[in-house]
Amino acid sequence: MNTNNLGKTLKGRRLSKEMTLRQLSSKSGVSVSHLGRTERGERFPSARILRKLAKPLGFAETELLKLAGFMSQDDSDRRIKKLKLEIKAEIIYLAGALYRKVDEL
């Protein structure tokens, strides 16, 4: 992932958690200025910084390190993604079937 995309991902997660840069800084120990430059794509965080950000942002450390390119995606990651998509499709199908059954009542 390039610098800008990683920054956007981190910012998106922070905002989805309704957290300010200052709050994230307090929870992670990473300075506000460092976080801001990272989110704007002006700086690429080290693996050490990403580990500090993982928990407050709700990422698994390995997930964030893989997103940043410090760890490679492996076959198990691809299998898990495929399984998640299959489960999602099954849930959508079953929800639709349940909706139709309720509608028949």
N, C-alpha and C. Protein backbone atom coordinates (compact mmCIF):
# COMPACT_ATOMS: atom_id res chain seq x y z
N MET A 1 0.86 -1.17 0.00
CA MET A 1 0.00 0.00 0.00
C MET A 1 0.90 1.23 0.00
N ASN A 2 0.54 2.22 -0.79
CA ASN A 2 1.37 3.41 -0.81
C ASN A 2 1.07 4.30 0.39
N THR A 3 1.91 5.30 0.58
CA THR A 3 1.84 6.17 1.75
C THR A 3 0.47 6.82 1.87
N ASN A 4 -0.03 7.37 0.77
CA ASN A 4 -1.29 8.10 0.82
C ASN A 4 -2.46 7.17 1.16
N ASN A 5 -2.51 5.99 0.55
CA ASN A 5 -3.60 5.06 0.84
C ASN A 5 -3.57 4.59 2.28
N LEU A 6 -2.40 4.33 2.80
CA LEU A 6 -2.30 3.91 4.19
C LEU A 6 -2.78 5.03 5.10
N GLY A 7 -2.37 6.24 4.81
CA GLY A 7 -2.82 7.39 5.59
C GLY A 7 -4.33 7.55 5.57
N LYS A 8 -4.92 7.37 4.39
CA LYS A 8 -6.38 7.46 4.27
C LYS A 8 -7.06 6.35 5.06
N THR A 9 -6.48 5.15 5.03
CA THR A 9 -7.04 4.03 5.78
C THR A 9 -7.00 4.31 7.28
N LEU A 10 -5.86 4.80 7.75
CA LEU A 10 -5.72 5.11 9.17
C LEU A 10 -6.69 6.22 9.58
N LYS A 11 -6.78 7.26 8.76
CA LYS A 11 -7.68 8.37 9.08
C LYS A 11 -9.14 7.90 9.07
N GLY A 12 -9.49 7.10 8.08
CA GLY A 12 -10.85 6.58 8.00
C GLY A 12 -11.22 5.77 9.23
N ARG A 13 -10.31 4.95 9.68
CA ARG A 13 -10.57 4.14 10.87
C ARG A 13 -10.69 5.03 12.10
N ARG A 14 -9.81 6.02 12.20
CA ARG A 14 -9.85 6.94 13.35
C ARG A 14 -11.19 7.67 13.38
N LEU A 15 -11.61 8.17 12.23
CA LEU A 15 -12.87 8.91 12.17
C LEU A 15 -14.07 8.00 12.45
N SER A 16 -14.01 6.76 11.98
CA SER A 16 -15.11 5.83 12.23
C SER A 16 -15.25 5.53 13.72
N LYS A 17 -14.16 5.68 14.45
CA LYS A 17 -14.17 5.48 15.89
C LYS A 17 -14.43 6.80 16.63
N GLU A 18 -14.73 7.84 15.84
CA GLU A 18 -15.03 9.16 16.38
C GLU A 18 -13.93 9.64 17.34
N MET A 19 -12.69 9.50 16.86
CA MET A 19 -11.52 9.86 17.65
C MET A 19 -10.81 11.03 17.00
N THR A 20 -10.38 11.99 17.80
CA THR A 20 -9.57 13.09 17.29
C THR A 20 -8.12 12.63 17.21
N LEU A 21 -7.30 13.41 16.50
CA LEU A 21 -5.87 13.11 16.46
C LEU A 21 -5.29 13.14 17.87
N ARG A 22 -5.73 14.09 18.66
CA ARG A 22 -5.24 14.22 20.03
C ARG A 22 -5.58 12.98 20.87
N GLN A 23 -6.80 12.47 20.70
CA GLN A 23 -7.20 11.27 21.44
C GLN A 23 -6.38 10.06 21.01
N LEU A 24 -6.19 9.93 19.69
CA LEU A 24 -5.38 8.82 19.19
C LEU A 24 -3.95 8.94 19.70
N SER A 25 -3.44 10.14 19.70
CA SER A 25 -2.09 10.38 20.20
C SER A 25 -1.98 9.94 21.66
N SER A 26 -2.97 10.30 22.45
CA SER A 26 -2.98 9.94 23.87
C SER A 26 -3.03 8.42 24.06
N LYS A 27 -3.82 7.75 23.25
CA LYS A 27 -3.99 6.30 23.39
C LYS A 27 -2.80 5.51 22.84
N SER A 28 -2.11 6.09 21.85
CA SER A 28 -1.04 5.35 21.18
C SER A 28 0.37 5.77 21.59
N GLY A 29 0.50 6.99 22.08
CA GLY A 29 1.83 7.49 22.40
C GLY A 29 2.56 8.05 21.19
N VAL A 30 1.86 8.22 20.08
CA VAL A 30 2.44 8.78 18.85
C VAL A 30 2.02 10.25 18.80
N SER A 31 2.95 11.13 18.50
CA SER A 31 2.65 12.56 18.53
C SER A 31 1.57 12.94 17.51
N VAL A 32 0.84 13.99 17.84
CA VAL A 32 -0.21 14.50 16.96
C VAL A 32 0.37 14.88 15.60
N SER A 33 1.51 15.55 15.61
CA SER A 33 2.11 15.98 14.33
C SER A 33 2.51 14.77 13.48
N HIS A 34 3.05 13.74 14.11
CA HIS A 34 3.43 12.52 13.38
C HIS A 34 2.17 11.88 12.78
N LEU A 35 1.11 11.80 13.57
CA LEU A 35 -0.15 11.21 13.09
C LEU A 35 -0.70 12.01 11.92
N GLY A 36 -0.69 13.33 12.04
CA GLY A 36 -1.21 14.18 10.97
C GLY A 36 -0.45 14.01 9.68
N ARG A 37 0.89 13.99 9.77
CA ARG A 37 1.70 13.80 8.57
C ARG A 37 1.47 12.42 7.96
N THR A 38 1.27 11.44 8.81
CA THR A 38 1.00 10.08 8.32
C THR A 38 -0.33 10.05 7.59
N GLU A 39 -1.36 10.63 8.18
CA GLU A 39 -2.68 10.62 7.56
C GLU A 39 -2.71 11.39 6.24
N ARG A 40 -1.92 12.42 6.15
CA ARG A 40 -1.86 13.21 4.90
C ARG A 40 -0.96 12.57 3.85
N GLY A 41 -0.29 11.48 4.19
CA GLY A 41 0.58 10.81 3.25
C GLY A 41 1.95 11.45 3.12
N GLU A 42 2.29 12.32 4.05
CA GLU A 42 3.59 12.98 4.02
C GLU A 42 4.68 12.14 4.68
N ARG A 43 4.26 11.15 5.41
CA ARG A 43 5.21 10.32 6.15
C ARG A 43 4.68 8.89 6.16
N PHE A 44 5.57 7.93 6.02
CA PHE A 44 5.18 6.53 6.10
C PHE A 44 5.60 5.99 7.46
N PRO A 45 4.67 5.45 8.24
CA PRO A 45 4.99 5.01 9.59
C PRO A 45 5.86 3.75 9.61
N SER A 46 6.69 3.67 10.62
CA SER A 46 7.50 2.46 10.81
C SER A 46 6.62 1.35 11.38
N ALA A 47 7.14 0.15 11.37
CA ALA A 47 6.41 -0.98 11.96
C ALA A 47 6.17 -0.73 13.44
N ARG A 48 7.10 -0.10 14.11
CA ARG A 48 6.95 0.20 15.55
C ARG A 48 5.77 1.13 15.78
N ILE A 49 5.64 2.16 14.94
CA ILE A 49 4.53 3.10 15.06
C ILE A 49 3.21 2.40 14.76
N LEU A 50 3.20 1.57 13.74
CA LEU A 50 1.97 0.84 13.39
C LEU A 50 1.52 -0.06 14.52
N ARG A 51 2.46 -0.69 15.19
CA ARG A 51 2.11 -1.54 16.34
C ARG A 51 1.45 -0.70 17.43
N LYS A 52 1.92 0.51 17.62
CA LYS A 52 1.34 1.40 18.63
C LYS A 52 -0.08 1.83 18.24
N LEU A 53 -0.33 1.96 16.93
CA LEU A 53 -1.63 2.42 16.46
C LEU A 53 -2.67 1.31 16.35
N ALA A 54 -2.21 0.08 16.24
CA ALA A 54 -3.12 -1.03 15.97
C ALA A 54 -4.26 -1.13 16.97
N LYS A 55 -3.94 -1.24 18.22
CA LYS A 55 -4.99 -1.46 19.23
C LYS A 55 -5.97 -0.29 19.32
N PRO A 56 -5.49 0.96 19.45
CA PRO A 56 -6.45 2.05 19.54
C PRO A 56 -7.35 2.19 18.31
N LEU A 57 -6.84 1.79 17.14
CA LEU A 57 -7.64 1.88 15.92
C LEU A 57 -8.45 0.62 15.64
N GLY A 58 -8.28 -0.41 16.47
CA GLY A 58 -9.06 -1.63 16.30
C GLY A 58 -8.55 -2.56 15.22
N PHE A 59 -7.26 -2.49 14.94
CA PHE A 59 -6.64 -3.42 13.99
C PHE A 59 -5.88 -4.49 14.77
N ALA A 60 -5.77 -5.67 14.20
CA ALA A 60 -4.79 -6.64 14.69
C ALA A 60 -3.44 -6.14 14.19
N GLU A 61 -2.40 -6.30 14.99
CA GLU A 61 -1.08 -5.83 14.56
C GLU A 61 -0.70 -6.39 13.20
N THR A 62 -0.89 -7.68 13.01
CA THR A 62 -0.49 -8.29 11.73
C THR A 62 -1.30 -7.72 10.57
N GLU A 63 -2.56 -7.43 10.81
CA GLU A 63 -3.41 -6.85 9.75
C GLU A 63 -2.85 -5.51 9.30
N LEU A 64 -2.49 -4.67 10.25
CA LEU A 64 -1.96 -3.35 9.92
C LEU A 64 -0.59 -3.45 9.26
N LEU A 65 0.24 -4.36 9.74
CA LEU A 65 1.56 -4.54 9.14
C LEU A 65 1.45 -5.07 7.71
N LYS A 66 0.46 -5.91 7.46
CA LYS A 66 0.23 -6.40 6.10
C LYS A 66 -0.28 -5.29 5.20
N LEU A 67 -1.20 -4.47 5.71
CA LEU A 67 -1.70 -3.34 4.92
C LEU A 67 -0.57 -2.40 4.51
N ALA A 68 0.38 -2.21 5.41
CA ALA A 68 1.50 -1.30 5.14
C ALA A 68 2.58 -1.94 4.29
N GLY A 69 2.51 -3.25 4.08
CA GLY A 69 3.51 -3.93 3.26
C GLY A 69 4.70 -4.46 4.03
N PHE A 70 4.67 -4.40 5.36
CA PHE A 70 5.77 -4.94 6.16
C PHE A 70 5.70 -6.46 6.23
N MET A 71 4.52 -7.00 6.04
CA MET A 71 4.34 -8.45 6.00
C MET A 71 3.56 -8.76 4.73
N SER A 72 3.85 -9.90 4.13
CA SER A 72 3.15 -10.24 2.89
C SER A 72 1.85 -10.98 3.20
N GLN A 73 0.89 -10.79 2.30
CA GLN A 73 -0.35 -11.55 2.38
C GLN A 73 0.00 -12.99 2.03
N ASP A 74 -0.62 -13.94 2.68
CA ASP A 74 -0.35 -15.33 2.33
C ASP A 74 -1.64 -16.01 1.89
N ASP A 75 -1.53 -17.28 1.52
CA ASP A 75 -2.70 -18.00 1.02
C ASP A 75 -3.82 -18.05 2.05
N SER A 76 -3.46 -18.17 3.34
CA SER A 76 -4.52 -18.23 4.34
C SER A 76 -5.31 -16.93 4.37
N ASP A 77 -4.66 -15.80 4.14
CA ASP A 77 -5.36 -14.52 4.08
C ASP A 77 -6.38 -14.53 2.93
N ARG A 78 -5.95 -15.02 1.78
CA ARG A 78 -6.85 -15.06 0.63
C ARG A 78 -8.01 -16.04 0.88
N ARG A 79 -7.72 -17.15 1.52
CA ARG A 79 -8.79 -18.11 1.83
C ARG A 79 -9.78 -17.53 2.82
N ILE A 80 -9.29 -16.78 3.79
CA ILE A 80 -10.16 -16.16 4.77
C ILE A 80 -11.05 -15.11 4.09
N LYS A 81 -10.47 -14.30 3.21
CA LYS A 81 -11.26 -13.31 2.50
C LYS A 81 -12.35 -13.99 1.67
N LYS A 82 -11.99 -15.08 0.98
CA LYS A 82 -12.96 -15.80 0.17
C LYS A 82 -14.07 -16.38 1.05
N LEU A 83 -13.70 -16.94 2.18
CA LEU A 83 -14.69 -17.50 3.09
C LEU A 83 -15.63 -16.42 3.61
N LYS A 84 -15.08 -15.25 3.95
CA LYS A 84 -15.92 -14.15 4.42
C LYS A 84 -16.93 -13.74 3.36
N LEU A 85 -16.49 -13.67 2.11
CA LEU A 85 -17.41 -13.31 1.02
C LEU A 85 -18.50 -14.37 0.85
N GLU A 86 -18.11 -15.64 0.95
CA GLU A 86 -19.09 -16.71 0.82
C GLU A 86 -20.10 -16.68 1.95
N ILE A 87 -19.63 -16.44 3.16
CA ILE A 87 -20.53 -16.36 4.31
C ILE A 87 -21.47 -15.17 4.17
N LYS A 88 -20.94 -14.05 3.73
CA LYS A 88 -21.77 -12.86 3.53
C LYS A 88 -22.87 -13.14 2.51
N ALA A 89 -22.51 -13.78 1.41
CA ALA A 89 -23.49 -14.12 0.38
C ALA A 89 -24.56 -15.05 0.94
N GLU A 90 -24.15 -16.01 1.74
CA GLU A 90 -25.10 -16.96 2.34
C GLU A 90 -26.04 -16.23 3.31
N ILE A 91 -25.52 -15.31 4.09
CA ILE A 91 -26.35 -14.55 5.03
C ILE A 91 -27.37 -13.71 4.28
N ILE A 92 -26.93 -13.08 3.20
CA ILE A 92 -27.84 -12.27 2.39
C ILE A 92 -28.95 -13.14 1.80
N TYR A 93 -28.56 -14.30 1.31
CA TYR A 93 -29.55 -15.22 0.74
C TYR A 93 -30.55 -15.66 1.81
N LEU A 94 -30.05 -16.06 2.98
CA LEU A 94 -30.93 -16.54 4.05
C LEU A 94 -31.82 -15.42 4.59
N ALA A 95 -31.29 -14.22 4.68
CA ALA A 95 -32.10 -13.09 5.14
C ALA A 95 -33.24 -12.84 4.15
N GLY A 96 -32.93 -12.93 2.88
CA GLY A 96 -33.97 -12.76 1.86
C GLY A 96 -35.03 -13.84 1.95
N ALA A 97 -34.59 -15.08 2.14
CA ALA A 97 -35.54 -16.20 2.27
C ALA A 97 -36.41 -16.01 3.52
N LEU A 98 -35.81 -15.58 4.60
CA LEU A 98 -36.56 -15.34 5.84
C LEU A 98 -37.57 -14.22 5.63
N TYR A 99 -37.16 -13.18 4.96
CA TYR A 99 -38.05 -12.05 4.68
C TYR A 99 -39.26 -12.52 3.86
N ARG A 100 -38.98 -13.37 2.84
CA ARG A 100 -40.10 -13.88 2.03
C ARG A 100 -41.05 -14.74 2.86
N LYS A 101 -40.51 -15.54 3.76
CA LYS A 101 -41.35 -16.40 4.62
C LYS A 101 -42.23 -15.54 5.54
N VAL A 102 -41.64 -14.50 6.11
CA VAL A 102 -42.40 -13.60 6.99
C VAL A 102 -43.48 -12.91 6.19
N ASP A 103 -43.16 -12.53 4.98
CA ASP A 103 -44.11 -11.84 4.11
C ASP A 103 -45.30 -12.75 3.77
N GLU A 104 -45.09 -14.06 3.75
CA GLU A 104 -46.15 -15.02 3.43
C GLU A 104 -47.10 -15.21 4.59
N LEU A 105 -46.72 -14.83 5.77
CA LEU A 105 -47.58 -15.04 6.96
C LEU A 105 -48.83 -14.20 6.93
